[in-house]
Amino acid sequence: MTPRPLPRPVHPYKDETTPSFIWRLETANILRPGQLRTLLKRNRRPWIESLAAWTNCDPDVLELAMPQFVQPDLDPSLRWKLAGRPTRTTHTVACNRCTLARGAGRFVQIYSTHEQVICPRHRLWLGDGVTGVTDQLSIRDTPEITTAWHHHKNLITRHGRSGVRKAFHIASVINWRWYDRFHHFTAATDTYDALAAKQPRHANSHAIVAASLYPSIVNLTAAMASPHWAEIAHSRRPDLFLDRISAEITDGWHPRGASDPLRHWMTEDWLPGFRGSDTIRPSAPR
């Protein structure tokens, strides 16, 4: 049986996850939670065909909006339009003010790239620790977070997405391990205090700590992603690298000892739990 359009079609949000889109479609049409997913699993048709029929939407539009539907044999011209868009690696909750303004409702889950940690328009934190709309705290009173975000984007332009993605992953692990050990350093503490003073309900949440650590993570990413500084870090004389880290992040302290996570990276080129690229690459020329 060919699916027919539902009474209230829903338009996909850019980079929206499939569960989020189905949930919004069910909510709009007052269906039981999971009802459409059950039909999709029961039907032998590809999911994109059923969703296109229910929403009266062209399948190409769904592929452009939700790259997880992209097939390996996708037309190269369409794949080029998707180049640089997120893959199914990291997801977050889209800025609720943006989604409301675009008629998508208050809660939309999207696939994101590693630098998509803030909404620059509404100054909301969207990165680590955000699992719902209530976790999206305001960063208007902490311009250092927005400055770090611009720095992050510039690093991608300068060093390439792949290298910065790896460096950012390692820098995040290192900074969180330092936080667990020391409750971190002055810059991050000052940012935390400024955020918590204005938004006490977020105090001690994972999101507020992640937002506070973000500038330090980006500073460490900058040093790790640079071929010049990475070479110094892995050399037998890493003092210049450690001087930079102590001046920019660790309040004059030089990381020491084999148990220190930064020292571990310097000696072992450590890459814990890395999941690879976070974007679609263009098709190779035929």
Protein backbone atom coordinates (compact mmCIF):
# COMPACT_ATOMS: atom_id res chain seq x y z
CA MET A 1 0.00 0.00 0.00
CA THR A 2 1.43 3.38 -1.04
CA PRO A 3 1.69 5.86 1.87
CA ARG A 4 -0.45 8.98 1.57
CA PRO A 5 0.32 12.51 2.81
CA LEU A 6 -0.53 13.07 6.46
CA PRO A 7 -3.03 15.85 7.29
CA ARG A 8 -0.31 18.07 8.78
CA PRO A 9 3.00 17.78 6.91
CA VAL A 10 6.23 18.75 8.66
CA HIS A 11 9.21 20.26 6.90
CA PRO A 12 12.64 18.94 7.92
CA TYR A 13 15.06 21.23 9.74
CA LYS A 14 18.58 21.46 8.36
CA ASP A 15 20.69 18.46 9.52
CA GLU A 16 17.82 17.14 11.65
CA THR A 17 18.15 13.61 13.01
CA THR A 18 15.65 11.03 11.77
CA PRO A 19 14.15 10.31 15.24
CA SER A 20 13.61 14.03 15.79
CA PHE A 21 11.87 14.45 12.42
CA ILE A 22 9.61 11.42 12.98
CA TRP A 23 8.77 12.61 16.51
CA ARG A 24 7.75 16.05 15.19
CA LEU A 25 5.67 14.42 12.44
CA GLU A 26 3.86 12.24 14.99
CA THR A 27 3.30 15.17 17.35
CA ALA A 28 1.91 17.40 14.61
CA ASN A 29 -0.56 14.70 13.54
CA ILE A 30 -1.51 13.64 17.10
CA LEU A 31 -0.24 10.09 16.61
CA ARG A 32 0.95 7.69 19.30
CA PRO A 33 4.69 7.95 20.01
CA GLY A 34 6.48 5.37 17.88
CA GLN A 35 3.52 4.74 15.59
CA LEU A 36 5.25 5.98 12.43
CA ARG A 37 8.50 4.23 13.31
CA THR A 38 6.57 0.95 13.62
CA LEU A 39 5.10 1.49 10.15
CA LEU A 40 8.54 2.29 8.73
CA LYS A 41 9.98 -0.92 10.14
CA ARG A 42 7.04 -2.98 8.91
CA ASN A 43 7.13 -1.50 5.40
CA ARG A 44 9.78 -2.86 3.02
CA ARG A 45 10.08 0.47 1.23
CA PRO A 46 13.12 2.67 1.98
CA TRP A 47 12.38 5.04 4.85
CA ILE A 48 13.03 8.11 2.73
CA GLU A 49 10.27 7.11 0.30
CA SER A 50 7.68 6.72 3.05
CA LEU A 51 8.71 9.97 4.75
CA ALA A 52 8.59 11.79 1.41
CA ALA A 53 5.08 10.48 0.78
CA TRP A 54 3.81 11.31 4.30
CA THR A 55 5.15 14.86 4.09
CA ASN A 56 4.41 15.39 0.37
CA CYS A 57 8.07 16.30 -0.01
CA ASP A 58 10.53 15.46 -2.79
CA PRO A 59 13.10 12.81 -1.67
CA ASP A 60 15.94 15.04 -2.91
CA VAL A 61 14.79 17.74 -0.50
CA LEU A 62 14.90 15.27 2.39
CA GLU A 63 18.40 14.15 1.39
CA LEU A 64 19.62 17.75 1.30
CA ALA A 65 18.02 18.50 4.67
CA MET A 66 19.00 15.22 6.35
CA PRO A 67 22.31 13.87 4.94
CA GLN A 68 21.92 10.58 6.84
CA PHE A 69 19.65 9.47 4.00
CA VAL A 70 22.44 9.93 1.43
CA GLN A 71 23.08 6.76 -0.56
CA PRO A 72 26.59 5.68 -1.68
CA ASP A 73 25.51 5.94 -5.33
CA LEU A 74 24.06 9.45 -4.90
CA ASP A 75 24.36 11.69 -7.95
CA PRO A 76 27.74 13.52 -7.67
CA SER A 77 26.14 16.92 -8.28
CA LEU A 78 23.87 16.39 -5.27
CA ARG A 79 26.71 15.06 -3.13
CA TRP A 80 28.78 18.17 -3.87
CA LYS A 81 25.96 20.25 -2.38
CA LEU A 82 26.30 18.21 0.82
CA ALA A 83 30.09 18.48 1.09
CA GLY A 84 31.07 19.79 4.51
CA ARG A 85 27.71 18.92 6.09
CA PRO A 86 27.60 16.76 9.25
CA THR A 87 27.70 12.97 9.19
CA ARG A 88 26.05 10.75 11.80
CA THR A 89 28.79 11.25 14.40
CA THR A 90 27.75 14.01 16.80
CA HIS A 91 24.31 15.37 17.51
CA THR A 92 22.96 18.17 19.65
CA VAL A 93 19.76 20.09 20.30
CA ALA A 94 19.34 22.97 17.86
CA CYS A 95 18.99 26.50 19.24
CA ASN A 96 15.38 26.61 20.43
CA ARG A 97 15.00 30.27 19.46
CA CYS A 98 16.06 29.50 15.90
CA THR A 99 13.73 26.51 15.60
CA LEU A 100 10.78 28.46 16.98
CA ALA A 101 11.44 31.33 14.57
CA ARG A 102 11.43 28.86 11.65
CA GLY A 103 8.21 27.15 12.72
CA ALA A 104 9.87 23.85 13.71
CA GLY A 105 8.83 23.90 17.36
CA ARG A 106 10.91 24.17 20.50
CA PHE A 107 12.83 20.88 20.36
CA VAL A 108 14.75 19.76 17.27
CA GLN A 109 17.74 17.43 17.41
CA ILE A 110 20.38 17.90 14.71
CA TYR A 111 23.65 16.34 13.60
CA SER A 112 26.44 18.83 14.17
CA THR A 113 30.13 19.37 13.57
CA HIS A 114 32.60 19.73 16.42
CA GLU A 115 32.78 23.55 16.21
CA GLN A 116 28.98 24.01 16.40
CA VAL A 117 28.96 24.71 20.12
CA ILE A 118 27.13 28.05 20.22
CA CYS A 119 24.34 29.89 18.44
CA PRO A 120 26.10 33.12 17.43
CA ARG A 121 22.79 34.89 16.80
CA HIS A 122 21.14 34.19 20.15
CA ARG A 123 24.31 33.65 22.21
CA LEU A 124 23.30 30.26 23.57
CA TRP A 125 25.59 27.37 24.46
CA LEU A 126 24.80 24.29 22.32
CA GLY A 127 27.90 22.18 22.94
CA ASP A 128 28.91 19.51 25.42
CA GLY A 129 26.38 18.91 28.19
CA VAL A 130 23.32 20.11 26.26
CA THR A 131 20.76 17.31 26.13
CA GLY A 132 17.61 19.42 26.09
CA VAL A 133 16.33 22.95 25.62
CA THR A 134 16.70 23.79 29.32
CA ASP A 135 20.46 23.11 29.13
CA GLN A 136 20.99 25.90 26.55
CA LEU A 137 22.47 28.57 28.80
CA SER A 138 23.13 32.17 27.77
CA ILE A 139 26.75 33.18 27.05
CA ARG A 140 26.04 36.89 26.48
CA ASP A 141 28.01 37.94 29.55
CA THR A 142 31.07 35.83 28.65
CA PRO A 143 32.41 37.19 25.32
CA GLU A 144 35.51 35.01 25.69
CA ILE A 145 33.40 32.01 24.65
CA THR A 146 32.31 33.70 21.41
CA THR A 147 35.90 34.84 20.80
CA ALA A 148 37.08 31.24 21.26
CA TRP A 149 34.43 30.09 18.77
CA HIS A 150 35.74 32.51 16.12
CA HIS A 151 39.27 31.29 16.89
CA HIS A 152 38.07 27.70 16.50
CA LYS A 153 36.61 28.44 13.05
CA ASN A 154 39.78 30.23 11.99
CA LEU A 155 41.85 27.20 13.02
CA ILE A 156 39.76 25.02 10.70
CA THR A 157 40.39 27.44 7.84
CA ARG A 158 44.12 27.52 8.57
CA HIS A 159 44.88 23.87 9.36
CA GLY A 160 42.00 21.92 7.80
CA ARG A 161 38.99 20.26 9.37
CA SER A 162 40.54 16.81 9.87
CA GLY A 163 43.56 17.98 11.88
CA VAL A 164 41.60 20.43 14.00
CA ARG A 165 38.90 17.83 14.70
CA LYS A 166 41.54 15.44 16.09
CA ALA A 167 43.30 18.16 18.08
CA PHE A 168 40.02 19.43 19.54
CA HIS A 169 39.07 15.91 20.62
CA ILE A 170 42.37 15.36 22.43
CA ALA A 171 42.38 18.87 23.92
CA SER A 172 38.88 18.26 25.30
CA VAL A 173 39.92 15.02 26.99
CA ILE A 174 43.02 16.66 28.48
CA ASN A 175 41.16 19.70 29.82
CA TRP A 176 38.42 17.58 31.37
CA ARG A 177 41.04 15.41 33.07
CA TRP A 178 42.76 18.52 34.39
CA TYR A 179 39.38 19.76 35.61
CA ASP A 180 38.74 16.48 37.43
CA ARG A 181 42.13 16.80 39.11
CA PHE A 182 42.45 20.55 39.80
CA HIS A 183 39.00 22.04 39.12
CA HIS A 184 40.96 23.87 36.44
CA PHE A 185 42.69 27.22 36.20
CA THR A 186 41.93 30.93 36.59
CA ALA A 187 40.54 31.71 33.12
CA ALA A 188 38.04 28.85 33.18
CA THR A 189 37.12 29.58 36.80
CA ASP A 190 36.43 33.24 36.01
CA THR A 191 34.22 32.24 33.07
CA TYR A 192 32.34 29.76 35.25
CA ASP A 193 31.76 32.38 37.97
CA ALA A 194 30.40 34.87 35.41
CA LEU A 195 28.01 32.28 33.94
CA ALA A 196 26.84 30.96 37.31
CA ALA A 197 26.27 34.44 38.77
CA LYS A 198 23.70 35.26 36.09
CA GLN A 199 22.22 31.75 35.79
CA PRO A 200 22.41 30.03 39.20
CA ARG A 201 20.03 27.26 38.09
CA HIS A 202 22.78 26.02 35.75
CA ALA A 203 25.46 25.99 38.46
CA ASN A 204 27.32 22.64 38.62
CA SER A 205 25.64 21.41 35.44
CA HIS A 206 27.79 19.62 32.87
CA ALA A 207 26.89 22.25 30.27
CA ILE A 208 28.13 25.23 32.33
CA VAL A 209 31.43 23.51 33.08
CA ALA A 210 31.86 22.58 29.40
CA ALA A 211 31.17 26.16 28.32
CA SER A 212 33.69 27.44 30.89
CA LEU A 213 36.39 25.04 29.66
CA TYR A 214 35.78 25.77 25.97
CA PRO A 215 38.21 28.74 25.61
CA SER A 216 41.00 26.69 27.23
CA ILE A 217 40.19 23.73 24.98
CA VAL A 218 40.42 25.94 21.89
CA ASN A 219 43.75 27.41 23.07
CA LEU A 220 45.18 23.92 23.51
CA THR A 221 43.69 22.87 20.15
CA ALA A 222 45.52 25.75 18.47
CA ALA A 223 48.87 24.52 19.80
CA MET A 224 48.19 20.86 18.95
CA ALA A 225 46.79 21.48 15.46
CA SER A 226 49.78 23.59 14.39
CA PRO A 227 52.41 21.39 12.68
CA HIS A 228 55.13 23.72 13.99
CA TRP A 229 54.06 23.54 17.63
CA ALA A 230 53.17 19.85 17.46
CA GLU A 231 56.69 19.11 16.23
CA ILE A 232 58.15 20.99 19.20
CA ALA A 233 55.80 19.17 21.58
CA HIS A 234 56.93 15.77 20.31
CA SER A 235 60.63 16.70 20.24
CA ARG A 236 63.25 16.06 22.91
CA ARG A 237 63.12 19.75 23.88
CA PRO A 238 59.44 20.63 24.35
CA ASP A 239 60.06 23.57 26.70
CA LEU A 240 58.80 26.21 24.24
CA PHE A 241 55.56 24.28 23.81
CA LEU A 242 55.12 23.88 27.58
CA ASP A 243 55.87 27.59 28.08
CA ARG A 244 53.05 28.43 25.70
CA ILE A 245 50.62 26.12 27.50
CA SER A 246 51.59 27.46 30.92
CA ALA A 247 51.15 31.08 29.76
CA GLU A 248 47.80 30.56 27.97
CA ILE A 249 46.05 27.90 30.07
CA THR A 250 47.70 26.55 33.21
CA ASP A 251 48.60 29.70 35.20
CA GLY A 252 52.36 29.18 34.90
CA TRP A 253 52.30 25.48 35.81
CA HIS A 254 54.21 23.07 33.56
CA PRO A 255 52.49 19.68 33.20
CA ARG A 256 54.80 16.99 34.55
CA GLY A 257 54.87 13.23 34.98
CA ALA A 258 53.86 10.30 32.81
CA SER A 259 50.35 10.32 34.31
CA ASP A 260 49.62 13.81 33.01
CA PRO A 261 47.33 13.60 29.93
CA LEU A 262 49.20 16.32 27.98
CA ARG A 263 52.54 14.64 28.65
CA HIS A 264 51.01 11.36 27.53
CA TRP A 265 50.04 12.95 24.20
CA MET A 266 53.49 14.49 23.84
CA THR A 267 55.26 11.16 24.26
CA GLU A 268 52.77 8.71 22.75
CA ASP A 269 50.80 10.84 20.23
CA TRP A 270 47.76 9.63 22.17
CA LEU A 271 44.34 9.62 20.42
CA PRO A 272 41.72 8.28 22.87
CA GLY A 273 38.30 7.23 21.57
CA PHE A 274 38.47 9.29 18.38
CA ARG A 275 35.54 8.65 16.03
CA GLY A 276 36.91 10.24 12.86
CA SER A 277 35.56 12.85 10.48
CA ASP A 278 32.40 14.78 11.31
CA THR A 279 31.52 15.88 7.77
CA ILE A 280 30.56 14.50 4.36
CA ARG A 281 33.26 14.61 1.73
CA PRO A 282 32.54 15.38 -1.92
CA SER A 283 32.46 12.50 -4.38
CA ALA A 284 35.72 11.67 -6.12
CA PRO A 285 35.78 12.71 -9.80
CA ARG A 286 34.63 9.98 -12.17
